[in-house]
Amino acid sequence: MSAYTDRIFETVVAKNPAEPEFHQAVKEVLESLAPVLEKNPQYEAAKILERITEPERVIMFRVPWFNDKGEVEVNRGFRIEFNSAIGPYKGGLRFHPTVYLGILKFLAFEQVLKNSLTTLPMGGGKGGSDFDPKGKSDNEVMRFCQSFMTELQRHIGPDTDVPAGDIGVGGREIGYMFGQYKRIRNEFTGILTGKGLGWGGSLIRPEATGYGSVYFAEEMLKTRGETFEGKTCVVSGSGNVAQYTVQKLTQLGGKCVTLSDSSGTIYDPDGIDAEKLAFVMDLKNVKRGRIKEYADKFGCEYREGEKPWSVACECAFPSATQNEIGLEDAKTLLANGCYVISEGANMPCVPEAVDLFVEKRILYGPGKAANAGGVATSGLEMSQNSMRLAWSSEEVDAKLNAIMVAVHEQCVKAAEMCGDPGNYVVGANVAGFVKVADAMLDQGLV
């Protein structure tokens, strides 16, 4: 990093103590920007880095609710409205016990650059709560969501901030929150994405993040004249992103052999076909069971407490959570023949693993580019809501594919401009940053 970026990073760490994920996300971006800052001194003169690493607004609030025993419980709610230079704040809500300010700031900062890459007019934000939906009844989840939205509704709107789902926030939670917003504000408007198809949702939205990470990997493979046909793929996670990653990979000729959850990994050398995937979707989306039941059902290997990264493959799709691929995992993947990695999750690789992938010049798609399909399709849902119409699944899928092709093209061009062709980390960071930075310059000191 340069003296300027070193100074910015030191300031970020000092002003945001005990937030290692946020520090990690900022440092990774700053390390890519030296060539751009050198050629564009106006960014330093206008203190763009100082401004882009500071959220425009941080909202934190208590969320009291009644459990089924009639007892009061209290959680903490957040919304980080990070940057609105190119559009309304856009980003998910995460309900999970690990949620705290630093996690959401990292996710919101990543979201700013990711949304920039989508070519759609969306700023970046993120939010959520330390509430855990697991083990709660539908009524408990509803009461929590209603209390959460009672406060959040005063800070969001279709032209201000449009949240979506994330870990722990699916169609059920979006529905309860939307209903509460409508009740309080007396308006039916597109203030959340990921809605039900019967009341403003978009086709392909559940599939979008997984499909998008596969489309991005497909574009990376094309640079070497290859396809997914016959390639073995490992996928982590077993939720929404992982499920549709498996589905699209299978459609394109790949063979997916793993899925995982917090308890362990299943390894099915025969591949997870459509029938097996339907079992996973029912298990995880309806019964909310553990992935071990897949191994019991289909007689394959279950590796308790392990991640999928020791399985030999050509392609890996980390689709669970942040920092799930450590340095030793990265070394194992490379030693076993993996040369394509497309991040379905946000920041799933530790910095040392990223450095290794870049050094070895494999096809590595960072999350802010590779998993941009989810928020891109949320943006398409916003467009449909504004126009009061609905596109077919074929139309949305085609638009999603075109957006992921455009994201890949931006990354390639930016990396070449910086003299580091094939480095998608540099490409994604630079392409995403320049668009936001130029908009901030255009709009003055805001």
Protein backbone atom coordinates (compact mmCIF):
# COMPACT_ATOMS: atom_id res chain seq x y z
CA MET A 1 0.00 0.00 0.00
CA SER A 2 1.04 3.64 -0.45
CA ALA A 3 1.69 6.13 2.34
CA TYR A 4 -1.81 7.54 1.73
CA THR A 5 -3.58 4.18 1.96
CA ASP A 6 -1.45 3.16 4.97
CA ARG A 7 -2.58 6.31 6.75
CA ILE A 8 -6.23 5.66 5.85
CA PHE A 9 -6.06 2.09 7.12
CA GLU A 10 -4.46 3.13 10.41
CA THR A 11 -7.25 5.66 10.88
CA VAL A 12 -9.95 3.08 10.11
CA VAL A 13 -8.49 0.66 12.69
CA ALA A 14 -8.17 3.41 15.31
CA LYS A 15 -11.72 4.70 14.79
CA ASN A 16 -13.32 1.23 14.57
CA PRO A 17 -11.66 -0.90 17.28
CA ALA A 18 -12.51 -4.60 17.74
CA GLU A 19 -14.03 -4.87 14.23
CA PRO A 20 -11.58 -7.23 12.46
CA GLU A 21 -13.90 -8.13 9.60
CA PHE A 22 -14.35 -4.46 8.70
CA HIS A 23 -10.58 -3.89 8.91
CA GLN A 24 -10.02 -6.91 6.64
CA ALA A 25 -12.50 -5.71 4.01
CA VAL A 26 -11.09 -2.17 3.93
CA LYS A 27 -7.47 -3.33 3.74
CA GLU A 28 -8.18 -5.68 0.84
CA VAL A 29 -9.68 -2.82 -1.16
CA LEU A 30 -6.98 -0.29 -0.26
CA GLU A 31 -4.25 -2.70 -1.37
CA SER A 32 -5.70 -2.65 -4.90
CA LEU A 33 -6.06 1.08 -5.38
CA ALA A 34 -2.46 2.37 -5.65
CA PRO A 35 -2.39 2.58 -9.49
CA VAL A 36 -5.74 4.42 -9.59
CA LEU A 37 -4.81 6.88 -6.84
CA GLU A 38 -1.50 7.64 -8.54
CA LYS A 39 -3.21 8.46 -11.84
CA ASN A 40 -6.07 10.40 -10.21
CA PRO A 41 -4.73 12.81 -7.56
CA GLN A 42 -8.17 14.41 -7.34
CA TYR A 43 -9.32 11.45 -5.21
CA GLU A 44 -6.78 12.21 -2.50
CA ALA A 45 -7.38 15.96 -2.73
CA ALA A 46 -11.12 15.42 -2.14
CA LYS A 47 -10.40 12.88 0.62
CA ILE A 48 -12.46 10.23 -1.13
CA LEU A 49 -10.88 7.36 0.82
CA GLU A 50 -11.56 9.06 4.14
CA ARG A 51 -15.18 9.52 3.11
CA ILE A 52 -15.79 6.15 1.43
CA THR A 53 -14.58 4.20 4.49
CA GLU A 54 -16.91 6.11 6.84
CA PRO A 55 -20.63 5.14 6.79
CA GLU A 56 -23.02 7.94 5.96
CA ARG A 57 -25.27 6.73 8.76
CA VAL A 58 -25.28 4.01 11.43
CA ILE A 59 -28.60 3.16 13.06
CA MET A 60 -28.68 0.94 16.17
CA PHE A 61 -31.81 0.18 18.18
CA ARG A 62 -33.35 -2.22 20.66
CA VAL A 63 -35.91 -4.82 19.56
CA PRO A 64 -38.20 -6.00 22.39
CA TRP A 65 -40.60 -8.88 21.66
CA PHE A 66 -42.70 -11.55 23.41
CA ASN A 67 -41.74 -15.23 23.21
CA ASP A 68 -44.38 -17.98 23.28
CA LYS A 69 -44.19 -18.13 27.09
CA GLY A 70 -45.27 -14.51 27.28
CA GLU A 71 -41.82 -13.41 28.42
CA VAL A 72 -40.15 -10.28 27.09
CA GLU A 73 -36.92 -10.79 25.13
CA VAL A 74 -34.67 -8.00 23.86
CA ASN A 75 -32.35 -8.07 20.86
CA ARG A 76 -30.30 -5.40 19.14
CA GLY A 77 -31.11 -4.16 15.64
CA PHE A 78 -28.87 -2.39 13.14
CA ARG A 79 -28.92 -0.66 9.77
CA ILE A 80 -25.68 0.60 8.23
CA GLU A 81 -26.42 3.09 5.44
CA PHE A 82 -22.91 3.22 4.05
CA ASN A 83 -22.91 5.06 0.73
CA SER A 84 -25.65 6.49 -1.51
CA ALA A 85 -23.52 8.12 -4.21
CA ILE A 86 -25.00 6.07 -7.05
CA GLY A 87 -28.45 5.22 -5.69
CA PRO A 88 -30.59 4.31 -2.66
CA TYR A 89 -28.91 2.15 -0.04
CA LYS A 90 -29.33 -1.53 -0.96
CA GLY A 91 -28.26 -4.59 0.98
CA GLY A 92 -29.54 -7.44 3.08
CA LEU A 93 -30.72 -7.97 6.64
CA ARG A 94 -28.98 -10.75 8.60
CA PHE A 95 -30.57 -12.41 11.66
CA HIS A 96 -27.90 -14.47 13.43
CA PRO A 97 -26.34 -14.59 16.93
CA THR A 98 -22.95 -13.52 15.51
CA VAL A 99 -24.28 -10.22 14.18
CA TYR A 100 -22.58 -7.16 15.61
CA LEU A 101 -21.56 -3.75 14.32
CA GLY A 102 -18.22 -4.83 12.77
CA ILE A 103 -19.74 -7.67 10.71
CA LEU A 104 -22.42 -5.38 9.29
CA LYS A 105 -19.94 -2.60 8.49
CA PHE A 106 -17.76 -5.08 6.58
CA LEU A 107 -20.79 -6.35 4.67
CA ALA A 108 -22.06 -2.83 3.94
CA PHE A 109 -18.66 -1.64 2.74
CA GLU A 110 -18.39 -4.66 0.42
CA GLN A 111 -21.94 -3.97 -0.75
CA VAL A 112 -21.03 -0.45 -1.92
CA LEU A 113 -18.49 -1.78 -4.42
CA LYS A 114 -20.50 -4.86 -5.34
CA ASN A 115 -23.57 -2.78 -6.18
CA SER A 116 -21.39 -0.45 -8.22
CA LEU A 117 -20.27 -3.41 -10.36
CA THR A 118 -23.84 -4.52 -11.15
CA THR A 119 -24.32 -1.53 -13.52
CA LEU A 120 -27.56 -0.71 -11.62
CA PRO A 121 -28.18 2.53 -9.66
CA MET A 122 -27.82 1.21 -6.11
CA GLY A 123 -25.86 2.44 -3.11
CA GLY A 124 -24.62 0.13 -0.37
CA GLY A 125 -26.02 -0.79 3.03
CA LYS A 126 -26.51 -3.73 5.39
CA GLY A 127 -28.42 -4.49 8.56
CA GLY A 128 -29.83 -7.10 10.84
CA SER A 129 -29.97 -8.33 14.40
CA ASP A 130 -28.39 -10.79 16.83
CA PHE A 131 -31.78 -12.57 16.90
CA ASP A 132 -31.61 -16.28 16.02
CA PRO A 133 -34.62 -17.60 14.06
CA LYS A 134 -33.49 -21.21 14.57
CA GLY A 135 -35.67 -23.02 17.07
CA LYS A 136 -38.24 -20.23 17.17
CA SER A 137 -41.89 -20.74 16.30
CA ASP A 138 -43.47 -18.90 13.39
CA ASN A 139 -45.33 -16.70 15.88
CA GLU A 140 -42.12 -15.79 17.71
CA VAL A 141 -40.41 -14.92 14.43
CA MET A 142 -43.43 -12.84 13.42
CA ARG A 143 -43.47 -10.90 16.69
CA PHE A 144 -39.75 -10.22 16.44
CA CYS A 145 -39.99 -9.09 12.79
CA GLN A 146 -42.89 -6.77 13.59
CA SER A 147 -40.97 -5.15 16.45
CA PHE A 148 -37.83 -4.87 14.29
CA MET A 149 -39.73 -3.19 11.44
CA THR A 150 -41.60 -0.85 13.80
CA GLU A 151 -38.29 0.94 14.32
CA LEU A 152 -36.65 0.30 10.94
CA GLN A 153 -39.59 1.67 8.91
CA ARG A 154 -38.74 5.28 9.81
CA HIS A 155 -35.31 4.94 8.17
CA ILE A 156 -36.14 3.18 4.87
CA GLY A 157 -38.16 3.80 1.70
CA PRO A 158 -38.21 2.94 -2.03
CA ASP A 159 -35.99 5.93 -2.86
CA THR A 160 -33.97 5.92 0.38
CA ASP A 161 -33.01 2.42 1.52
CA VAL A 162 -34.34 -0.92 0.26
CA PRO A 163 -33.25 -3.88 2.44
CA ALA A 164 -33.35 -7.52 1.35
CA GLY A 165 -32.79 -10.91 2.97
CA ASP A 166 -29.52 -12.50 4.06
CA ILE A 167 -28.56 -15.28 6.48
CA GLY A 168 -31.57 -16.01 8.70
CA VAL A 169 -33.90 -13.80 6.66
CA GLY A 170 -35.88 -15.64 4.00
CA GLY A 171 -39.35 -15.33 2.52
CA ARG A 172 -41.09 -15.82 5.88
CA GLU A 173 -39.20 -12.99 7.58
CA ILE A 174 -39.50 -10.65 4.58
CA GLY A 175 -43.25 -11.25 4.55
CA TYR A 176 -43.71 -10.43 8.23
CA MET A 177 -41.60 -7.26 7.93
CA PHE A 178 -43.35 -6.10 4.76
CA GLY A 179 -46.75 -6.59 6.39
CA GLN A 180 -45.72 -4.49 9.38
CA TYR A 181 -44.36 -1.70 7.16
CA LYS A 182 -47.62 -1.67 5.19
CA ARG A 183 -49.67 -1.54 8.38
CA ILE A 184 -47.70 1.36 9.89
CA ARG A 185 -47.19 3.46 6.75
CA ASN A 186 -50.46 2.65 4.97
CA GLU A 187 -48.67 2.17 1.66
CA PHE A 188 -47.88 -0.76 -0.61
CA THR A 189 -44.46 0.01 -2.01
CA GLY A 190 -41.24 -1.79 -2.88
CA ILE A 191 -39.33 -1.19 0.37
CA LEU A 192 -38.03 -4.77 0.64
CA THR A 193 -36.80 -7.21 -1.97
CA GLY A 194 -37.08 -10.98 -1.80
CA LYS A 195 -40.87 -10.64 -1.53
CA GLY A 196 -43.36 -13.37 -2.38
CA LEU A 197 -44.23 -13.71 -6.07
CA GLY A 198 -47.89 -12.89 -5.40
CA TRP A 199 -47.11 -9.50 -3.86
CA GLY A 200 -44.28 -7.87 -5.75
CA GLY A 201 -41.45 -10.40 -5.72
CA SER A 202 -39.32 -11.29 -8.71
CA LEU A 203 -38.89 -14.64 -10.37
CA ILE A 204 -35.29 -15.96 -10.16
CA ARG A 205 -34.56 -13.92 -6.99
CA PRO A 206 -34.07 -17.01 -4.78
CA GLU A 207 -31.78 -18.52 -7.41
CA ALA A 208 -29.88 -15.35 -8.25
CA THR A 209 -26.81 -15.42 -5.98
CA GLY A 210 -26.03 -19.06 -6.73
CA TYR A 211 -26.75 -18.72 -10.43
CA GLY A 212 -24.69 -15.53 -10.58
CA SER A 213 -21.60 -17.09 -9.00
CA VAL A 214 -21.78 -19.89 -11.57
CA TYR A 215 -22.27 -17.45 -14.46
CA PHE A 216 -19.21 -15.50 -13.27
CA ALA A 217 -17.13 -18.69 -13.07
CA GLU A 218 -18.37 -19.64 -16.54
CA GLU A 219 -17.03 -16.33 -17.89
CA MET A 220 -13.68 -16.93 -16.16
CA LEU A 221 -13.47 -20.39 -17.74
CA LYS A 222 -14.21 -18.92 -21.17
CA THR A 223 -10.98 -16.92 -20.92
CA ARG A 224 -9.22 -20.30 -21.11
CA GLY A 225 -11.55 -21.78 -23.70
CA GLU A 226 -13.18 -24.14 -21.19
CA THR A 227 -16.66 -25.02 -19.85
CA PHE A 228 -18.02 -26.85 -16.79
CA GLU A 229 -18.59 -30.04 -18.75
CA GLY A 230 -17.16 -32.98 -16.81
CA LYS A 231 -15.64 -30.88 -14.02
CA THR A 232 -15.92 -31.90 -10.36
CA CYS A 233 -17.17 -29.08 -8.14
CA VAL A 234 -17.24 -28.68 -4.36
CA VAL A 235 -19.79 -26.39 -2.75
CA SER A 236 -19.95 -25.33 0.90
CA GLY A 237 -23.14 -24.47 2.71
CA SER A 238 -26.57 -25.94 2.07
CA GLY A 239 -28.80 -22.90 2.14
CA ASN A 240 -30.20 -20.80 -0.65
CA VAL A 241 -26.89 -19.86 -2.31
CA ALA A 242 -25.43 -23.36 -2.19
CA GLN A 243 -28.62 -25.01 -3.43
CA TYR A 244 -28.92 -22.95 -6.58
CA THR A 245 -25.18 -23.06 -7.21
CA VAL A 246 -25.52 -26.85 -7.38
CA GLN A 247 -28.59 -26.58 -9.60
CA LYS A 248 -26.96 -24.31 -12.19
CA LEU A 249 -23.64 -26.20 -12.17
CA THR A 250 -25.50 -29.44 -12.84
CA GLN A 251 -27.42 -27.81 -15.71
CA LEU A 252 -24.10 -26.68 -17.24
CA GLY A 253 -22.48 -30.11 -17.05
CA GLY A 254 -20.58 -29.93 -13.77
CA LYS A 255 -20.72 -32.58 -11.05
CA CYS A 256 -21.23 -31.26 -7.51
CA VAL A 257 -20.06 -33.69 -4.83
CA THR A 258 -20.32 -31.77 -1.53
CA LEU A 259 -22.62 -29.67 0.63
CA SER A 260 -22.15 -28.69 4.26
CA ASP A 261 -23.59 -27.00 7.30
CA SER A 262 -22.20 -25.95 10.66
CA SER A 263 -22.09 -29.59 11.81
CA GLY A 264 -20.18 -31.16 8.92
CA THR A 265 -19.91 -32.04 5.22
CA ILE A 266 -21.46 -34.68 2.97
CA TYR A 267 -19.32 -36.12 0.19
CA ASP A 268 -21.26 -37.83 -2.60
CA PRO A 269 -18.85 -38.96 -5.33
CA ASP A 270 -21.79 -39.87 -7.59
CA GLY A 271 -22.85 -36.22 -7.68
CA ILE A 272 -25.85 -34.33 -6.35
CA ASP A 273 -28.43 -34.70 -9.11
CA ALA A 274 -31.84 -33.02 -9.37
CA GLU A 275 -33.60 -35.63 -7.23
CA LYS A 276 -31.01 -35.39 -4.45
CA LEU A 277 -31.06 -31.60 -4.60
CA ALA A 278 -34.86 -31.63 -4.18
CA PHE A 279 -34.31 -33.64 -0.97
CA VAL A 280 -31.81 -31.02 0.26
CA MET A 281 -34.22 -28.17 -0.49
CA ASP A 282 -37.01 -29.86 1.46
CA LEU A 283 -34.62 -30.75 4.30
CA LYS A 284 -33.20 -27.25 4.66
CA ASN A 285 -36.02 -24.95 3.54
CA VAL A 286 -39.02 -26.78 5.02
CA LYS A 287 -37.89 -29.22 7.71
CA ARG A 288 -34.87 -27.09 8.70
CA GLY A 289 -32.87 -30.24 9.38
CA ARG A 290 -29.14 -31.05 9.33
CA ILE A 291 -27.18 -32.04 6.22
CA LYS A 292 -26.19 -35.35 7.87
CA GLU A 293 -29.68 -36.60 6.97
CA TYR A 294 -28.59 -36.49 3.30
CA ALA A 295 -25.83 -38.98 4.04
CA ASP A 296 -28.27 -41.21 5.92
CA LYS A 297 -30.76 -41.05 3.03
CA PHE A 298 -28.38 -41.65 0.11
CA GLY A 299 -25.67 -43.73 1.79
CA CYS A 300 -22.75 -41.39 1.13
CA GLU A 301 -19.91 -40.23 3.36
CA TYR A 302 -20.53 -37.72 6.16
CA ARG A 303 -17.53 -35.88 7.58
CA GLU A 304 -18.52 -34.54 10.96
CA GLY A 305 -17.05 -31.16 11.90
CA GLU A 306 -15.23 -30.83 8.56
CA LYS A 307 -15.42 -28.41 5.64
CA PRO A 308 -15.45 -29.58 1.99
CA TRP A 309 -12.02 -28.25 1.01
CA SER A 310 -10.12 -31.54 1.28
CA VAL A 311 -12.15 -33.08 -1.57
CA ALA A 312 -10.36 -33.21 -4.94
CA CYS A 313 -11.98 -30.92 -7.52
CA GLU A 314 -11.41 -28.50 -10.36
CA CYS A 315 -13.89 -25.88 -9.12
CA ALA A 316 -14.79 -24.65 -5.63
CA PHE A 317 -17.76 -22.50 -4.63
CA PRO A 318 -17.55 -21.27 -1.01
CA SER A 319 -21.19 -20.44 -0.32
CA ALA A 320 -21.56 -20.46 3.47
CA THR A 321 -20.01 -17.57 5.40
CA GLN A 322 -17.00 -15.28 5.84
CA ASN A 323 -13.47 -16.67 6.35
CA GLU A 324 -14.43 -20.31 5.78
CA ILE A 325 -11.32 -21.01 3.64
CA GLY A 326 -8.14 -20.66 5.67
CA LEU A 327 -4.60 -20.76 4.32
CA GLU A 328 -4.21 -24.51 4.87
CA ASP A 329 -7.57 -25.11 3.17
CA ALA A 330 -6.36 -23.04 0.21
CA LYS A 331 -3.14 -25.04 -0.03
CA THR A 332 -5.13 -28.29 0.06
CA LEU A 333 -7.48 -27.11 -2.68
CA LEU A 334 -4.59 -26.20 -4.98
CA ALA A 335 -2.71 -29.43 -4.23
CA ASN A 336 -5.83 -31.42 -5.18
CA GLY A 337 -6.18 -29.74 -8.58
CA CYS A 338 -8.58 -26.87 -7.94
CA TYR A 339 -8.03 -23.88 -10.27
CA VAL A 340 -11.45 -22.16 -10.29
CA ILE A 341 -12.87 -20.49 -7.17
CA SER A 342 -16.00 -18.36 -7.29
CA GLU A 343 -17.21 -16.86 -4.02
CA GLY A 344 -20.93 -17.25 -3.40
CA ALA A 345 -20.52 -16.03 0.19
CA ASN A 346 -19.16 -12.66 1.30
CA MET A 347 -15.39 -12.69 1.99
CA PRO A 348 -15.21 -16.48 2.54
CA CYS A 349 -11.41 -16.62 2.09
CA VAL A 350 -8.94 -15.28 4.64
CA PRO A 351 -6.46 -12.72 3.22
CA GLU A 352 -3.59 -15.24 3.14
CA ALA A 353 -5.71 -17.62 1.06
CA VAL A 354 -6.60 -14.83 -1.37
CA ASP A 355 -2.93 -13.90 -1.70
CA LEU A 356 -2.08 -17.51 -2.52
CA PHE A 357 -4.79 -17.80 -5.18
CA VAL A 358 -3.65 -14.55 -6.80
CA GLU A 359 0.00 -15.62 -6.66
CA LYS A 360 -0.79 -18.95 -8.35
CA ARG A 361 -2.83 -17.14 -11.05
CA ILE A 362 -5.82 -19.43 -10.75
CA LEU A 363 -9.28 -18.24 -11.79
CA TYR A 364 -10.37 -16.61 -8.53
CA GLY A 365 -13.60 -14.59 -8.44
CA PRO A 366 -13.93 -12.45 -5.29
CA GLY A 367 -17.34 -12.13 -3.70
CA LYS A 368 -18.00 -8.50 -4.58
CA ALA A 369 -17.96 -9.60 -8.23
CA ALA A 370 -18.86 -13.29 -8.19
CA ASN A 371 -21.86 -13.08 -5.86
CA ALA A 372 -23.24 -9.80 -7.20
CA GLY A 373 -26.08 -11.70 -8.89
CA GLY A 374 -28.21 -11.66 -5.76
CA VAL A 375 -28.28 -7.92 -5.29
CA ALA A 376 -28.45 -7.41 -9.07
CA THR A 377 -31.71 -9.35 -9.18
CA SER A 378 -32.93 -7.43 -6.14
CA GLY A 379 -32.29 -4.34 -8.26
CA LEU A 380 -34.36 -5.90 -11.04
CA GLU A 381 -37.13 -6.53 -8.49
CA MET A 382 -36.98 -2.83 -7.56
CA SER A 383 -37.35 -1.92 -11.23
CA GLN A 384 -40.38 -4.18 -11.62
CA ASN A 385 -41.98 -2.69 -8.50
CA SER A 386 -41.42 0.87 -9.77
CA MET A 387 -43.01 0.01 -13.11
CA ARG A 388 -45.80 -2.08 -11.55
CA LEU A 389 -45.09 -5.07 -13.77
CA ALA A 390 -43.51 -8.52 -13.59
CA TRP A 391 -41.02 -10.12 -15.98
CA SER A 392 -40.96 -13.83 -16.81
CA SER A 393 -38.30 -16.09 -15.30
CA GLU A 394 -36.63 -16.30 -18.71
CA GLU A 395 -36.44 -12.50 -18.94
CA VAL A 396 -35.00 -12.12 -15.44
CA ASP A 397 -32.50 -14.95 -15.93
CA ALA A 398 -31.33 -13.43 -19.21
CA LYS A 399 -30.91 -10.02 -17.55
CA LEU A 400 -29.01 -11.65 -14.66
CA ASN A 401 -26.70 -13.46 -17.05
CA ALA A 402 -26.05 -10.23 -18.97
CA ILE A 403 -25.25 -8.38 -15.74
CA MET A 404 -22.76 -11.07 -14.63
CA VAL A 405 -21.10 -10.95 -18.05
CA ALA A 406 -20.83 -7.15 -17.64
CA VAL A 407 -19.41 -7.52 -14.12
CA HIS A 408 -16.76 -9.91 -15.45
CA GLU A 409 -15.92 -7.57 -18.32
CA GLN A 410 -15.46 -4.60 -15.96
CA CYS A 411 -13.12 -6.66 -13.76
CA VAL A 412 -11.04 -7.78 -16.73
CA LYS A 413 -10.71 -4.27 -18.15
CA ALA A 414 -9.84 -2.68 -14.79
CA ALA A 415 -7.20 -5.31 -14.04
CA GLU A 416 -5.61 -4.73 -17.46
CA MET A 417 -5.71 -0.96 -16.90
CA CYS A 418 -3.78 -1.49 -13.65
CA GLY A 419 -1.17 -3.64 -15.40
CA ASP A 420 -2.27 -6.84 -13.66
CA PRO A 421 -4.32 -8.80 -16.23
CA GLY A 422 -6.25 -11.77 -14.86
CA ASN A 423 -6.27 -10.44 -11.29
CA TYR A 424 -9.98 -10.31 -10.51
CA VAL A 425 -9.36 -8.97 -6.99
CA VAL A 426 -7.72 -5.82 -8.34
CA GLY A 427 -10.23 -5.62 -11.17
CA ALA A 428 -13.31 -5.82 -8.93
CA ASN A 429 -11.97 -3.38 -6.35
CA VAL A 430 -10.83 -0.79 -8.88
CA ALA A 431 -13.89 -0.97 -11.14
CA GLY A 432 -16.27 -0.76 -8.19
CA PHE A 433 -14.35 2.06 -6.51
CA VAL A 434 -13.92 4.34 -9.53
CA LYS A 435 -17.64 4.54 -10.29
CA VAL A 436 -18.52 5.44 -6.68
CA ALA A 437 -15.57 7.83 -6.28
CA ASP A 438 -16.41 9.72 -9.48
CA ALA A 439 -20.05 10.07 -8.36
CA MET A 440 -18.88 11.45 -5.01
CA LEU A 441 -16.67 13.98 -6.80
CA ASP A 442 -19.59 15.02 -9.03
CA GLN A 443 -21.89 15.58 -6.04
CA GLY A 444 -19.49 17.70 -3.98
CA LEU A 445 -18.85 17.49 -0.27
CA VAL A 446 -21.69 15.23 0.91
